[in-house]
Every structure is written in C-alpha cells, then in structure tokens.
Protein backbone atom coordinates (compact mmCIF):
# COMPACT_ATOMS: atom_id res chain seq x y z
CA MET A 1 -13.10 14.68 10.60
CA LYS A 2 -15.69 16.40 8.52
CA LYS A 3 -17.18 14.65 5.55
CA GLY A 4 -14.90 15.25 2.59
CA ASP A 5 -11.76 15.32 4.75
CA GLU A 6 -11.00 11.68 3.92
CA VAL A 7 -10.54 9.59 0.82
CA HIS A 8 -11.65 5.97 0.66
CA PHE A 9 -9.92 3.41 -1.51
CA GLN A 10 -9.06 -0.26 -1.83
CA VAL A 11 -5.71 -1.92 -1.26
CA ILE A 12 -5.17 -5.41 -2.66
CA PHE A 13 -2.22 -7.56 -1.62
CA ARG A 14 -1.37 -10.40 -4.02
CA GLY A 15 0.67 -13.55 -3.55
CA TRP A 16 2.43 -14.06 -0.23
CA ALA A 17 1.71 -10.40 0.61
CA GLY A 18 -1.99 -11.26 0.91
CA GLU A 19 -1.20 -14.22 3.13
CA LEU A 20 1.02 -12.07 5.35
CA LEU A 21 -1.81 -9.55 5.90
CA GLU A 22 -4.71 -12.01 6.08
CA ALA A 23 -5.66 -10.91 9.62
CA ASP A 24 -5.95 -7.25 8.59
CA CYS A 25 -7.11 -7.77 5.01
CA PRO A 26 -9.22 -10.92 4.66
CA GLY A 27 -8.68 -12.39 1.21
CA GLY A 28 -5.87 -9.90 0.67
CA THR A 29 -8.21 -6.91 0.23
CA CYS A 30 -8.62 -3.91 2.52
CA GLU A 31 -11.07 -1.03 2.30
CA VAL A 32 -9.22 1.92 3.82
CA SER A 33 -9.59 5.61 4.45
CA ALA A 34 -6.92 8.26 4.80
CA PRO A 35 -6.73 12.03 5.10
CA GLN A 36 -7.53 13.85 1.88
CA GLY A 37 -4.33 14.93 0.13
CA ILE A 38 -2.24 12.02 1.40
CA PHE A 39 0.49 10.71 -0.85
CA LEU A 40 1.01 7.01 -1.59
CA ARG A 41 4.36 6.83 0.20
CA ASP A 42 3.03 8.60 3.32
CA PHE A 43 -0.07 6.40 3.45
CA PHE A 44 1.91 3.17 3.44
CA SER A 45 4.48 4.46 5.88
CA GLN A 46 1.67 5.21 8.35
CA TRP A 47 -0.48 2.17 7.58
CA LEU A 48 2.39 -0.27 8.01
CA GLN A 49 3.42 1.34 11.30
CA GLY A 50 1.21 -1.00 13.34
CA ARG A 51 2.07 -4.03 11.23
CA PRO A 52 5.75 -4.74 12.01
CA LYS A 53 6.04 -8.00 10.07
CA ALA A 54 4.53 -6.48 6.93
CA ARG A 55 6.64 -3.34 7.37
CA GLU A 56 9.77 -5.49 7.52
CA TYR A 57 8.90 -7.18 4.21
CA PHE A 58 7.62 -4.16 2.26
CA TRP A 59 9.17 -0.98 3.57
CA ASP A 60 12.67 0.47 3.31
CA ALA A 61 12.62 2.65 6.44
CA ASP A 62 15.97 4.28 5.67
CA HIS A 63 14.70 5.65 2.36
CA LYS A 64 10.99 5.90 3.30
CA ARG A 65 9.77 3.93 0.31
CA PHE A 66 8.81 0.45 -0.83
CA LYS A 67 11.59 -2.06 -1.18
CA ALA A 68 12.68 -2.87 -4.72
CA GLU A 69 11.08 -6.32 -4.36
CA VAL A 70 7.60 -4.76 -4.22
CA MET A 71 5.63 -3.60 -7.26
CA VAL A 72 2.90 -0.99 -6.81
CA ILE A 73 -0.02 -0.83 -9.24
CA LEU A 74 -2.34 2.19 -8.99
CA ASN A 75 -5.63 1.90 -10.88
CA GLY A 76 -4.19 -0.76 -13.18
CA LYS A 77 -0.93 1.03 -14.02
CA TYR A 78 2.56 0.50 -12.63
CA GLN A 79 3.43 3.24 -10.17
CA SER A 80 7.00 4.07 -9.29
CA PRO A 81 7.29 4.03 -5.50
CA ASP A 82 9.59 7.06 -5.77
CA GLU A 83 6.98 9.34 -7.37
CA GLU A 84 4.80 11.40 -5.07
CA VAL A 85 1.27 10.52 -6.07
CA GLU A 86 -1.79 11.77 -4.22
CA LEU A 87 -4.35 9.08 -3.44
CA ARG A 88 -7.90 9.85 -4.51
CA GLU A 89 -11.40 8.66 -3.71
CA GLY A 90 -12.08 5.26 -5.25
CA ASP A 91 -8.47 4.43 -6.15
CA THR A 92 -7.35 0.80 -6.21
CA LEU A 93 -3.82 -0.03 -5.13
CA THR A 94 -2.43 -3.48 -5.81
CA ILE A 95 0.77 -4.58 -4.09
CA LEU A 96 2.68 -7.37 -5.79
CA PRO A 97 5.76 -8.98 -4.35
CA VAL A 98 8.21 -9.44 -7.20
CA ALA A 99 8.93 -13.12 -7.80
CA SER A 100 12.52 -14.14 -8.25
CA GLY A 101 14.55 -17.26 -8.14
CA GLY A 102 15.49 -20.01 -10.47
C-alpha cells in the first residue's frame, strides 16, 4: 500500500472485553491500521475474523453488526452500530460490553 492508503487508529476494549483480547491487545488497547475509506462495521467484521472467541461474543454474523450487548464509542461519543461511519486517521474506538444482571 502506498502511504496515505491506510488510516491508523486506536481500539480500546473495556471490562471483560479487554481480558478476552489480552493476547492481541495488551492492556485492552490495540493500535491498528485499515484501508482508507473503511467503515466501522466492515473493519470489525474483518478484524474479528481471525479471533473466533471474540467474534462469538461481539459479532452478530447474521446481521453483520455488533450484538446488542456491545456499546461502541467513537471519539468519546456513542456510535450506533447500525450507522455506516467511515473510520479516520487518529480515531479512538472504545468497545464496552453492556453490564446486566441483578
């Protein structure tokens, strides 16, 4: 790829999500790159491909989106997993598993 054909950004996994991905993202944080113009949903679909356990917990393969139990924060603001949002250089994504129970 030529310089400028990729975007670089950070993905932070909080709570048990960080523990689940500790081998790939020490401390729950990953510095990643992706093709310029990639959308959030497409990035995670591809990135989770080689991480079957994480994919099982986070990804609804039938609908090609995050499961309802996962909250996505993009640059400090809640991001609906159903919106098509293009990832940009320097973005920060935070993935929060939604806590439930009694």
